[in-house]
Protein backbone atom coordinates (compact mmCIF):
# COMPACT_ATOMS: atom_id res chain seq x y z
CA MET A 1 -48.13 13.26 8.87
CA GLN A 2 -46.45 16.39 7.54
CA ARG A 3 -43.09 15.10 8.73
CA LYS A 4 -43.65 11.78 6.95
CA LEU A 5 -44.62 13.61 3.78
CA LYS A 6 -41.45 15.70 3.98
CA GLU A 7 -39.33 12.58 4.49
CA ARG A 8 -40.96 10.92 1.49
CA MET A 9 -40.31 13.96 -0.66
CA LEU A 10 -36.66 14.02 0.40
CA VAL A 11 -36.26 10.31 -0.36
CA THR A 12 -37.89 10.76 -3.77
CA LEU A 13 -35.70 13.78 -4.53
CA ALA A 14 -32.53 11.94 -3.47
CA ALA A 15 -33.43 8.87 -5.53
CA THR A 16 -34.29 11.02 -8.55
CA ILE A 17 -31.01 12.94 -8.34
CA LEU A 18 -28.96 9.78 -7.81
CA MET A 19 -30.56 8.00 -10.76
CA ALA A 20 -30.21 11.14 -12.87
CA VAL A 21 -26.48 11.22 -12.11
CA LEU A 22 -26.13 7.50 -12.83
CA GLY A 23 -28.23 7.89 -15.98
CA THR A 24 -26.09 10.80 -17.14
CA LEU A 25 -22.95 8.76 -16.51
CA GLY A 26 -24.44 5.76 -18.28
CA GLY A 27 -25.54 7.91 -21.20
CA TYR A 28 -22.09 9.49 -21.41
CA LEU A 29 -20.38 6.09 -21.36
CA LEU A 30 -22.76 4.78 -24.01
CA GLY A 31 -22.24 7.88 -26.16
CA ARG A 32 -18.49 7.65 -25.60
CA ALA A 33 -18.40 4.01 -26.67
CA LEU A 34 -20.45 4.79 -29.76
CA SER A 35 -18.28 7.81 -30.62
CA LEU A 36 -15.11 5.75 -30.35
CA LYS A 37 -16.66 2.98 -32.40
CA LEU A 38 -17.59 5.47 -35.11
CA ALA A 39 -14.11 7.01 -34.87
CA GLN A 40 -12.49 3.62 -35.49
CA ARG A 41 -14.77 3.03 -38.46
CA LYS A 42 -13.87 6.43 -39.87
CA LEU A 43 -10.18 5.74 -39.32
CA ALA A 44 -10.49 2.62 -41.44
CA GLN A 45 -12.19 4.64 -44.17
CA ASP A 46 -9.48 7.32 -43.98
CA ALA A 47 -6.72 4.71 -44.11
CA ASP A 48 -8.30 3.10 -47.18
CA ARG A 49 -8.54 6.46 -48.89
CA MET A 50 -5.01 7.45 -47.98
CA ILE A 51 -3.42 4.23 -49.17
CA ALA A 52 -5.27 4.74 -52.47
CA ILE A 53 -3.72 8.22 -52.78
CA VAL A 54 -0.27 6.87 -51.93
CA GLU A 55 -0.66 4.22 -54.60
CA MET A 56 -1.57 6.91 -57.11
CA PHE A 57 1.60 8.84 -56.16
CA SER A 58 3.68 5.70 -56.48
CA GLN A 59 2.02 4.63 -59.72
CA GLU A 60 2.64 8.01 -61.30
CA THR A 61 6.26 7.92 -60.14
CA ARG A 62 6.89 4.44 -61.54
CA THR A 63 5.10 5.29 -64.79
CA ALA A 64 7.22 8.41 -65.29
CA LEU A 65 10.45 6.48 -64.65
CA ALA A 66 9.36 3.78 -67.07
CA GLN A 67 8.45 6.36 -69.73
CA ILE A 68 11.86 8.10 -69.41
CA LYS A 69 13.58 4.76 -69.91
CA ALA A 70 11.32 3.75 -72.79
CA ALA A 71 11.82 7.06 -74.64
CA GLN A 72 15.44 6.04 -75.53
CA LEU A 73 16.41 9.67 -76.18
CA PRO A 74 20.04 10.75 -75.96
CA PHE A 75 21.21 10.81 -72.36
CA CYS A 76 20.57 14.28 -70.80
CA SER A 77 19.96 15.79 -74.23
CA ASP A 78 17.75 18.81 -74.72
CA ALA A 79 15.17 16.53 -76.37
CA GLU A 80 15.15 14.22 -73.40
CA MET A 81 14.77 17.10 -70.94
CA VAL A 82 11.89 18.51 -72.99
CA PHE A 83 10.26 15.08 -72.85
CA VAL A 84 10.78 14.86 -69.08
CA ARG A 85 9.54 18.40 -68.65
CA THR A 86 6.38 17.50 -70.52
CA LEU A 87 5.83 14.55 -68.22
CA ILE A 88 6.24 16.84 -65.22
CA PHE A 89 3.73 19.39 -66.51
CA GLN A 90 1.16 16.67 -67.20
CA SER A 91 1.57 15.15 -63.76
CA HIS A 92 -0.41 15.94 -60.62
CA TYR A 93 2.35 15.24 -58.15
CA LEU A 94 5.76 15.29 -59.91
CA LYS A 95 7.97 18.37 -59.72
CA ASP A 96 11.18 17.40 -61.53
CA GLY A 97 13.01 14.58 -63.26
CA GLY A 98 16.35 13.76 -64.80
CA HIS A 99 19.39 11.54 -64.33
CA ILE A 100 21.71 10.64 -61.44
CA ARG A 101 25.00 8.95 -62.12
CA ASP A 102 27.70 8.02 -59.59
CA GLY A 103 25.80 9.78 -56.79
CA ARG A 104 25.58 13.13 -58.66
CA ILE A 105 22.68 14.80 -60.42
CA VAL A 106 23.78 15.02 -64.04
CA CYS A 107 20.78 16.77 -65.52
CA SER A 108 17.39 18.14 -64.46
CA ALA A 109 14.24 19.04 -66.39
CA THR A 110 13.53 22.12 -64.25
CA LEU A 111 16.89 23.14 -62.74
CA SER A 112 19.67 24.91 -64.54
CA SER A 113 23.22 23.67 -64.29
CA LEU A 114 23.94 26.38 -61.75
CA GLU A 115 21.00 25.35 -59.58
CA MET A 116 21.81 21.65 -59.48
CA PRO A 117 23.63 20.35 -56.36
CA LYS A 118 27.32 19.84 -57.01
CA GLY A 119 28.17 17.36 -54.27
CA GLN A 120 27.63 13.63 -54.12
CA ILE A 121 24.35 12.46 -52.65
CA ASP A 122 23.47 9.15 -51.05
CA PRO A 123 20.00 7.56 -50.85
CA ASP A 124 18.30 7.33 -47.46
CA PHE A 125 17.18 3.78 -48.23
CA THR A 126 16.67 1.38 -51.09
CA GLN A 127 13.39 -0.43 -51.59
CA PRO A 128 13.12 -4.15 -52.44
CA ASP A 129 12.47 -3.39 -56.12
CA GLY A 130 15.74 -1.44 -56.40
CA THR A 131 14.32 2.07 -56.26
CA ARG A 132 16.39 4.45 -54.19
CA ILE A 133 14.68 7.03 -52.01
CA TYR A 134 16.21 10.38 -51.08
CA ARG A 135 14.15 12.09 -48.42
CA GLU A 136 16.00 13.38 -45.40
CA HIS A 137 19.02 14.38 -47.48
CA SER A 138 17.23 15.25 -50.70
CA PRO A 139 19.36 17.65 -52.78
CA ILE A 140 16.26 19.33 -54.23
CA LEU A 141 14.07 21.83 -52.42
CA VAL A 142 10.43 22.63 -53.19
CA ARG A 143 9.14 25.67 -51.33
CA ASP A 144 12.13 25.43 -49.01
CA LEU A 145 11.30 21.85 -48.13
CA HIS A 146 13.27 18.77 -49.09
CA ALA A 147 11.42 17.07 -51.92
CA VAL A 148 11.27 13.29 -52.21
CA VAL A 149 13.54 11.87 -54.90
CA VAL A 150 12.92 8.42 -56.35
CA GLN A 151 15.71 6.89 -58.45
CA LEU A 152 15.49 3.77 -60.59
CA GLY A 153 18.59 2.95 -62.61
CA ASP A 154 20.10 6.33 -63.41
CA SER A 155 16.72 8.06 -63.88
CA TYR A 156 15.00 9.97 -61.16
CA VAL A 157 11.79 11.91 -60.52
CA VAL A 158 10.87 14.27 -57.72
CA TYR A 159 7.44 14.47 -56.14
CA THR A 160 6.12 17.13 -53.83
CA PRO A 161 6.90 16.99 -50.12
CA HIS A 162 3.36 18.29 -49.61
CA ILE A 163 1.80 14.86 -49.99
CA LEU A 164 -0.08 15.60 -46.77
CA ASP A 165 -2.03 18.31 -48.60
CA PHE A 166 -3.63 15.73 -50.86
CA MET A 167 -5.09 13.71 -48.01
CA HIS A 168 -7.94 16.12 -47.17
CA ILE A 169 -8.53 14.49 -43.79
CA THR A 170 -10.24 16.81 -41.30
CA THR A 171 -10.21 14.84 -38.05
CA SER A 172 -7.67 12.03 -38.18
CA HIS A 173 -3.88 12.22 -38.62
CA PHE A 174 -1.71 9.84 -40.55
CA ILE A 175 1.74 8.35 -40.78
CA LEU A 176 3.25 7.30 -44.10
CA ARG A 177 6.20 4.96 -43.95
CA THR A 178 8.10 2.26 -45.81
CA PRO A 179 8.23 -0.93 -43.69
CA SER A 180 11.76 -1.73 -44.93
CA ALA A 181 12.94 1.65 -43.59
CA PRO A 182 10.68 2.39 -40.63
CA GLN A 183 12.94 5.18 -39.41
CA PHE A 184 11.85 7.35 -42.31
CA ALA A 185 8.23 8.43 -42.07
CA LEU A 186 5.99 11.33 -42.99
CA ALA A 187 3.53 12.23 -40.25
CA SER A 188 0.78 14.76 -39.78
CA GLY A 189 -0.05 16.11 -36.35
CA ASN A 190 2.25 16.78 -33.45
CA THR A 191 4.63 13.87 -32.79
CA ALA A 192 7.05 15.74 -30.53
CA GLY A 193 7.69 14.69 -26.96
CA LEU A 194 7.36 10.95 -27.54
CA THR A 195 9.57 8.70 -25.45
CA PRO A 196 11.86 6.32 -27.37
CA ALA A 197 9.88 3.33 -26.10
CA LYS A 198 6.57 4.78 -27.23
CA GLN A 199 8.02 5.84 -30.57
CA LEU A 200 9.33 2.32 -31.11
CA LEU A 201 5.90 0.87 -30.32
CA ILE A 202 4.23 3.29 -32.75
CA ASP A 203 6.78 2.39 -35.44
CA GLN A 204 5.93 -1.27 -34.95
CA VAL A 205 2.14 -0.97 -35.07
CA THR A 206 2.19 1.38 -38.07
CA SER A 207 4.52 -0.85 -40.12
CA ARG A 208 1.98 -3.66 -40.48
CA GLU A 209 -1.63 -3.73 -41.53
CA GLY A 210 -4.26 -3.86 -38.83
CA TYR A 211 -5.82 -2.10 -35.86
CA ALA A 212 -3.96 -1.02 -32.73
CA ARG A 213 -4.20 1.28 -29.76
CA VAL A 214 -1.24 2.94 -28.12
CA ASP A 215 -2.12 4.75 -24.90
CA ASP A 216 -5.02 7.04 -25.81
CA THR A 217 -4.56 6.90 -29.59
CA TYR A 218 -6.18 4.55 -32.11
CA TYR A 219 -4.31 3.46 -35.24
CA VAL A 220 -5.67 1.80 -38.37
CA THR A 221 -2.95 0.80 -40.86
CA ARG A 222 -3.28 -0.17 -44.52
CA CYS A 223 -0.29 -1.40 -46.52
CA SER A 224 0.45 -1.67 -50.24
CA ALA A 225 2.53 -4.73 -51.03
CA ARG A 226 3.09 -3.48 -54.58
CA TYR A 227 4.69 -0.18 -53.63
CA TYR A 228 6.16 -1.07 -50.19
CA LYS A 229 4.19 1.63 -48.35
CA CYS A 230 2.03 1.65 -45.26
CA VAL A 231 -0.36 4.40 -44.19
CA SER A 232 -1.73 4.68 -40.67
CA ALA A 233 -4.71 6.85 -39.87
CA ASN A 234 -4.74 7.80 -36.21
CA ILE A 235 -6.72 9.91 -33.80
CA SER A 236 -6.54 10.41 -30.07
CA ILE A 237 -9.51 9.62 -27.87
CA PRO A 238 -9.96 13.27 -26.77
CA GLU A 239 -10.01 14.36 -30.44
CA ALA A 240 -12.55 11.66 -31.33
CA LEU A 241 -14.82 12.64 -28.45
CA SER A 242 -14.44 16.31 -29.27
CA ALA A 243 -15.47 15.64 -32.87
CA ASP A 244 -18.68 13.97 -31.62
CA GLY A 245 -19.36 16.38 -28.78
CA ASN A 246 -23.01 16.80 -29.72
CA MET A 247 -23.53 13.06 -29.52
CA LEU A 248 -22.08 12.94 -26.02
CA ILE A 249 -24.33 15.81 -24.94
CA LEU A 250 -27.36 14.11 -26.47
CA PHE A 251 -26.67 10.72 -24.87
CA SER A 252 -25.78 12.25 -21.51
CA SER A 253 -28.94 14.36 -21.50
CA ALA A 254 -31.11 11.44 -22.56
CA GLY A 255 -29.49 9.19 -19.95
CA GLY A 256 -29.94 11.79 -17.24
CA ALA A 257 -33.60 12.34 -18.11
CA THR A 258 -34.26 8.60 -18.26
CA GLY A 259 -32.43 8.01 -15.00
CA ALA A 260 -34.36 10.80 -13.27
CA LEU A 261 -37.67 9.37 -14.46
CA LEU A 262 -36.74 5.84 -13.42
CA GLY A 263 -35.46 7.10 -10.08
CA PHE A 264 -38.75 8.87 -9.43
CA LEU A 265 -40.84 5.86 -10.48
CA PHE A 266 -38.74 3.31 -8.59
CA SER A 267 -38.69 5.41 -5.42
CA PHE A 268 -42.43 5.96 -5.70
CA LEU A 269 -43.21 2.28 -6.23
CA TYR A 270 -40.73 1.10 -3.60
CA ARG A 271 -41.95 3.68 -1.11
CA ARG A 272 -45.54 2.76 -1.89
CA ASN A 273 -44.93 -0.96 -1.41
CA ARG A 274 -42.61 -0.47 1.53
CA SER A 275 -44.88 2.06 3.16
CA MET A 276 -47.90 -0.14 2.51
CA GLU A 277 -46.15 -3.16 4.02
CA GLN A 278 -45.23 -1.20 7.13
CA GLN A 279 -48.72 0.21 7.44
CA LEU A 280 -50.22 -3.25 6.98
CA ARG A 281 -47.98 -4.73 9.66
CA ARG A 282 -48.97 -1.91 12.03
CA ALA A 283 -52.65 -2.42 11.22
CA ILE A 284 -52.36 -6.13 12.02
CA ARG A 285 -50.56 -5.43 15.31
CA GLN A 286 -53.17 -2.81 16.24
CA ASP A 287 -56.07 -5.04 15.10
CA LYS A 288 -57.30 -2.45 12.60
CA LEU A 289 -58.28 -4.79 9.81
CA ARG A 290 -62.01 -5.48 9.70
CA VAL A 291 -64.03 -8.42 8.53
CA VAL A 292 -67.23 -8.21 6.49
CA TYR A 293 -69.64 -10.97 5.58
CA GLN A 294 -71.29 -11.69 2.24
CA PRO A 295 -74.36 -13.94 2.27
CA ILE A 296 -74.36 -17.31 0.53
CA VAL A 297 -77.93 -18.26 -0.41
CA LYS A 298 -79.91 -21.16 -1.81
CA MET A 299 -80.71 -20.22 -5.39
CA VAL A 300 -84.22 -21.70 -5.41
CA ASN A 301 -85.58 -19.60 -2.53
CA ARG A 302 -82.83 -17.03 -1.87
CA ARG A 303 -82.63 -18.06 1.78
CA ILE A 304 -79.31 -17.48 3.58
CA ALA A 305 -77.40 -20.72 4.07
CA GLY A 306 -74.08 -19.27 5.11
CA ALA A 307 -71.63 -16.46 4.57
CA GLU A 308 -68.08 -15.82 3.44
CA ALA A 309 -65.83 -13.80 5.73
CA LEU A 310 -63.85 -11.20 3.78
CA VAL A 311 -61.10 -9.01 5.19
CA ARG A 312 -60.98 -5.28 4.47
CA TRP A 313 -58.36 -2.62 5.18
CA ASN A 314 -57.98 1.14 4.86
CA ASP A 315 -54.46 2.53 4.98
CA GLU A 316 -53.37 5.26 7.38
CA GLU A 317 -54.56 7.94 4.98
CA GLY A 318 -58.04 6.44 4.89
CA ASN A 319 -57.77 4.95 1.41
CA ALA A 320 -59.34 1.55 0.83
CA VAL A 321 -56.77 -1.03 -0.30
CA GLY A 322 -58.07 -4.05 -2.18
CA PRO A 323 -57.48 -7.54 -0.76
CA ASP A 324 -55.78 -8.54 -4.00
CA VAL A 325 -53.15 -5.89 -3.21
CA PHE A 326 -52.49 -6.23 0.51
CA ILE A 327 -52.90 -10.02 0.59
CA ARG A 328 -50.31 -10.27 -2.19
CA ILE A 329 -47.92 -8.03 -0.23
CA ALA A 330 -48.42 -10.14 2.90
CA GLU A 331 -47.79 -13.34 0.93
CA GLU A 332 -44.65 -11.95 -0.70
CA ARG A 333 -43.29 -10.66 2.61
CA GLY A 334 -44.20 -13.86 4.48
CA PHE A 335 -46.76 -12.66 7.05
CA VAL A 336 -50.07 -13.61 5.43
CA GLY A 337 -50.60 -16.06 8.31
CA GLU A 338 -51.04 -13.09 10.66
CA ILE A 339 -53.99 -11.91 8.55
CA THR A 340 -55.52 -15.39 8.63
CA LYS A 341 -55.28 -15.47 12.43
CA LEU A 342 -56.89 -12.02 12.62
CA VAL A 343 -59.78 -13.14 10.40
CA VAL A 344 -60.36 -16.28 12.49
CA ARG A 345 -60.30 -14.23 15.68
CA HIS A 346 -62.71 -11.57 14.37
CA THR A 347 -65.03 -14.11 12.79
CA LEU A 348 -65.45 -16.22 15.90
CA ARG A 349 -65.85 -13.14 18.09
CA GLU A 350 -68.36 -11.37 15.83
CA MET A 351 -70.30 -14.38 14.53
CA GLY A 352 -69.78 -16.89 17.33
CA GLU A 353 -73.27 -16.43 18.80
CA THR A 354 -74.87 -16.85 15.36
CA LEU A 355 -72.88 -20.00 14.73
CA ARG A 356 -73.69 -21.49 18.11
CA GLY A 357 -77.39 -20.73 17.69
CA ASN A 358 -77.79 -22.08 14.16
CA ALA A 359 -76.26 -25.48 13.56
CA GLU A 360 -77.08 -25.40 9.85
CA PHE A 361 -75.29 -22.10 9.24
CA ARG A 362 -71.88 -22.34 7.57
CA LEU A 363 -69.25 -19.65 7.68
CA SER A 364 -66.38 -19.74 5.15
CA ILE A 365 -62.95 -18.25 5.64
CA ASN A 366 -60.14 -18.04 3.08
CA VAL A 367 -56.71 -19.43 3.83
CA ALA A 368 -53.55 -18.88 1.78
CA ALA A 369 -51.17 -21.46 0.38
CA ALA A 370 -48.66 -20.51 3.08
CA ASP A 371 -51.23 -21.39 5.77
CA LEU A 372 -51.48 -24.95 4.46
CA THR A 373 -47.75 -25.46 5.00
CA ASP A 374 -47.63 -23.61 8.34
CA PRO A 375 -47.35 -26.23 11.14
CA GLY A 376 -48.97 -23.79 13.56
CA PHE A 377 -52.09 -23.08 11.48
CA LEU A 378 -54.20 -26.15 12.34
CA PRO A 379 -53.46 -26.06 16.10
CA MET A 380 -54.35 -22.34 16.15
CA LEU A 381 -57.62 -23.01 14.34
CA GLU A 382 -58.54 -25.84 16.69
CA GLU A 383 -57.74 -23.76 19.77
CA LYS A 384 -59.79 -20.73 18.63
CA LEU A 385 -62.82 -22.89 17.81
CA ARG A 386 -62.62 -24.59 21.19
CA GLU A 387 -62.42 -21.23 22.97
CA ALA A 388 -65.42 -19.93 21.01
CA GLY A 389 -67.45 -23.10 21.49
CA VAL A 390 -68.07 -23.43 17.75
CA SER A 391 -68.24 -26.75 15.94
CA THR A 392 -65.59 -27.34 13.30
CA LYS A 393 -68.23 -28.43 10.80
CA GLN A 394 -69.66 -24.89 10.85
CA LEU A 395 -66.38 -23.30 9.73
CA ALA A 396 -65.65 -24.09 6.10
CA ILE A 397 -62.14 -23.55 4.79
CA GLU A 398 -61.77 -22.04 1.32
CA ILE A 399 -58.51 -22.54 -0.55
CA THR A 400 -57.76 -21.05 -3.94
CA GLU A 401 -56.99 -23.15 -6.98
CA SER A 402 -53.41 -21.85 -6.92
CA SER A 403 -53.04 -23.41 -3.46
CA THR A 404 -53.61 -26.83 -5.02
CA ALA A 405 -50.75 -26.44 -7.50
CA ARG A 406 -48.58 -28.40 -5.09
CA GLN A 407 -50.93 -31.34 -4.98
CA ASP A 408 -49.04 -33.35 -2.37
CA VAL A 409 -49.13 -30.46 0.13
CA ALA A 410 -52.76 -29.67 -0.68
CA VAL A 411 -53.93 -33.28 -0.26
CA ALA A 412 -52.24 -33.64 3.12
CA ALA A 413 -53.62 -30.34 4.42
CA ILE A 414 -57.14 -31.03 3.11
CA ARG A 415 -57.11 -34.52 4.63
CA GLN A 416 -56.17 -33.08 8.01
CA LEU A 417 -58.81 -30.33 7.81
CA ARG A 418 -61.57 -32.78 6.95
CA LYS A 419 -60.36 -35.11 9.70
CA MET A 420 -60.89 -32.22 12.12
CA GLY A 421 -64.47 -31.85 10.79
CA HIS A 422 -64.11 -28.83 8.51
CA GLU A 423 -65.64 -28.63 5.07
CA VAL A 424 -63.10 -27.71 2.39
CA HIS A 425 -64.09 -25.63 -0.63
CA ILE A 426 -62.05 -24.82 -3.75
CA ASP A 427 -62.39 -21.10 -4.38
CA ASP A 428 -62.32 -19.52 -7.88
CA PHE A 429 -62.71 -22.91 -9.52
CA GLY A 430 -61.89 -22.97 -13.22
CA THR A 431 -58.99 -20.54 -13.22
CA GLY A 432 -56.36 -23.07 -14.05
CA TYR A 433 -54.87 -25.36 -11.38
CA SER A 434 -57.37 -27.84 -9.95
CA SER A 435 -58.29 -29.79 -13.06
CA LEU A 436 -61.32 -32.07 -13.07
CA SER A 437 -59.00 -35.07 -13.17
CA TYR A 438 -57.82 -34.75 -9.56
CA LEU A 439 -60.76 -33.11 -7.77
CA HIS A 440 -61.64 -36.52 -6.42
CA THR A 441 -58.06 -36.98 -5.22
CA LEU A 442 -58.25 -33.72 -3.30
CA SER A 443 -61.30 -35.05 -1.43
CA ILE A 444 -63.05 -31.70 -1.12
CA ASP A 445 -66.66 -30.86 -0.22
CA ALA A 446 -67.53 -28.02 -2.59
CA ILE A 447 -66.36 -25.96 -5.52
CA LYS A 448 -67.00 -22.25 -5.93
CA ILE A 449 -67.37 -21.51 -9.64
CA ASP A 450 -65.28 -18.48 -10.57
CA ARG A 451 -67.16 -15.28 -11.41
CA SER A 452 -65.72 -15.28 -14.94
CA PHE A 453 -68.06 -18.19 -15.77
CA THR A 454 -71.02 -16.40 -14.23
CA GLN A 455 -70.33 -13.25 -16.23
CA ALA A 456 -70.31 -15.33 -19.42
CA VAL A 457 -74.05 -15.98 -19.03
CA GLY A 458 -75.95 -14.12 -21.73
CA THR A 459 -72.86 -13.82 -23.93
CA GLU A 460 -71.26 -15.94 -26.61
CA ALA A 461 -68.14 -16.58 -24.53
CA VAL A 462 -66.56 -20.00 -24.95
CA THR A 463 -66.42 -20.45 -21.16
CA LEU A 464 -70.24 -20.65 -21.06
CA SER A 465 -70.17 -24.00 -22.86
CA ILE A 466 -68.05 -25.46 -20.05
CA LEU A 467 -70.53 -24.67 -17.26
CA PRO A 468 -72.88 -27.65 -17.83
CA GLN A 469 -69.89 -29.98 -17.79
CA ILE A 470 -68.63 -28.54 -14.51
CA LEU A 471 -72.07 -28.87 -12.90
CA ALA A 472 -72.46 -32.44 -14.16
CA MET A 473 -69.01 -33.32 -12.87
CA ALA A 474 -69.80 -31.82 -9.47
CA GLN A 475 -73.03 -33.80 -9.29
CA ALA A 476 -71.21 -37.02 -10.22
CA LEU A 477 -68.62 -36.41 -7.49
CA LYS A 478 -71.34 -35.33 -5.02
CA LEU A 479 -69.76 -31.91 -4.57
CA GLN A 480 -71.65 -28.87 -3.35
CA VAL A 481 -71.63 -26.03 -5.92
CA VAL A 482 -71.42 -22.34 -5.00
CA VAL A 483 -71.76 -19.87 -7.88
CA GLU A 484 -69.76 -16.69 -7.35
CA GLY A 485 -70.41 -13.24 -8.73
CA VAL A 486 -74.16 -13.45 -9.41
CA GLU A 487 -75.15 -9.87 -10.15
CA THR A 488 -78.15 -10.04 -12.49
CA ARG A 489 -81.48 -11.86 -12.60
CA GLU A 490 -80.49 -13.36 -15.98
CA GLN A 491 -77.47 -14.99 -14.39
CA ALA A 492 -79.53 -16.36 -11.51
CA ASP A 493 -82.25 -17.71 -13.81
CA TYR A 494 -79.63 -19.56 -15.85
CA PHE A 495 -78.57 -21.63 -12.85
CA VAL A 496 -82.08 -22.00 -11.40
CA ALA A 497 -83.10 -23.61 -14.71
CA MET A 498 -80.43 -26.26 -14.30
CA LYS A 499 -81.31 -29.76 -13.28
CA ASP A 500 -81.01 -30.25 -9.52
CA SER A 501 -80.69 -26.50 -9.05
CA GLY A 502 -82.11 -26.88 -5.55
CA ALA A 503 -78.67 -27.96 -4.38
CA ILE A 504 -76.85 -24.98 -5.89
CA LEU A 505 -75.76 -22.11 -3.65
CA ALA A 506 -74.83 -18.64 -4.82
CA GLN A 507 -73.31 -15.40 -3.68
CA GLY A 508 -73.04 -12.03 -5.36
CA TRP A 509 -74.38 -8.51 -5.33
CA LEU A 510 -77.81 -9.72 -6.43
CA TYR A 511 -78.17 -11.38 -3.03
CA GLY A 512 -76.25 -8.91 -0.93
CA ARG A 513 -72.98 -7.05 -0.67
CA PRO A 514 -70.40 -7.73 2.06
CA VAL A 515 -71.48 -6.00 5.29
CA ALA A 516 -70.36 -5.79 8.89
CA ALA A 517 -71.43 -8.50 11.33
CA GLU A 518 -74.24 -6.47 12.91
CA ALA A 519 -75.80 -5.64 9.54
CA PHE A 520 -75.46 -9.24 8.45
CA ARG A 521 -77.26 -10.48 11.57
CA GLU A 522 -80.06 -8.01 10.90
CA ARG A 523 -80.35 -9.40 7.38
CA MET A 524 -80.50 -12.95 8.79
CA ASP A 525 -83.22 -11.97 11.29
CA ALA A 526 -85.29 -10.39 8.51
CA ASP A 527 -84.73 -13.46 6.36
CA LEU A 528 -85.90 -15.71 9.23
CA LEU A 529 -89.05 -13.63 9.85
CA GLN A 530 -89.90 -13.75 6.16
CA ALA A 531 -89.46 -17.53 6.13
CA GLU A 532 -91.70 -17.89 9.19
CA GLU A 533 -94.36 -15.67 7.60
CA GLU A 534 -94.29 -17.70 4.40
CA GLN A 535 -94.57 -20.89 6.43
CA ARG A 536 -97.65 -19.53 8.30
CA ARG A 537 -99.32 -18.57 5.04
CA HIS A 538 -98.55 -21.98 3.60
CA THR A 539 -99.99 -23.70 6.68
CA ALA A 540 -103.12 -21.53 6.60
CA THR A 541 -103.66 -22.29 2.93
CA GLN A 542 -103.42 -26.03 3.54
CA ALA A 543 -105.85 -25.80 6.50
CA ALA A 544 -108.40 -23.94 4.39
């Protein structure tokens, strides 16, 4: 026993650990998927915000160029430079402005003539609206970095190369480019070490609006058709997961805890069912199930008219297991017929003498739906009765209402049983399958009214109103009625008061609990002595 307990503990521990690992993995994957989903949503928000900033830069640049042109001040005059200087000071992003003619800077609002580049400069690219962009070869430096020069006509403005500083993005990176000149781009983050093929792919996906993934990096691109700019917010998967590290820990922990709990519960339930099945099979092989007998009496005089054989089982640890549990397991696993054979064998061995000595005594046994379809059931029953010398009419067969759900099978089996001489009773009548409409078709001998109807006596339950109809129907079809679950005198009196109650049988704790065969025979002997004594008194009274 101790070894079995140790094995069970090891199995439970292994199942718990395995499910905990799987749960942790599942939780991590769920948290990872959610983190990446949130990261993509945030990228879209960042891209929207960044393209708005870029449009503000571009709008300010175009406005300044338009204002310089509209001012119509003398070309490169002091007045014009003062005007441009004022525009620069009022701007958020602009750093300089002036004129370029024939590829040379002619005048600047912030640079002296000595500071201005002397050589000819060429634009890096020209945009569709005619603006020329100087970026890689910008002649103007801001904080030792090439500033971005935008020229329209012969006017130009310079905006800060520190456009990245205005983005204020904490987790994602971005790429700013002009689709017409994809080779020129501003990028945050480390872009070194990219292969030409990968760089080309990144250039392609960040030059058009939409969502893309390149290797382990997500990109969300927004483009401005008005200013010929595209901005791509991007973040690598490791960075996204790192940003939501607490979420991954939370989901992994929750998944691990849930998995461990499920592993423990599943292993416990499986072991319980599996262990119970194995124990039940061993008990059947070793003939350790026992049969008890509950009296069925005539309600008018409480005399025993028969009994129902009920199977009982204690598991290997001595715990009583209810028939509703172990019969269900046997049905699900396909060996309920073995229990039926055991009950028949025990019943005929333990009650055979009583049956042979009392032709009016009826003993009922329960059979399962699987027994009705088992081709070996009826021959087995016939053989055991012949060996015991018991008449078939003394062994009533009880089938549950659920067994009649397949009416064609039930009708054929019932017909064969009655042909052999057995009475056939419908057990637990009223629970849903054998409707009144086809009781006659089933050609049965008796119905056993389910205990739920009996328990409704003395209450306002709706089921109580159905009882008179059931009894009237049974009388019309000439069916014997057995009332199950009679536990109180009030319940018994209800049925005794019925018309033709002399034909009603009953069973329940009021008349006796299920007992072993020896105790049941003692009860029958006492019942017989009492009947004989009452008969003597009755005879003496009549003689007097």
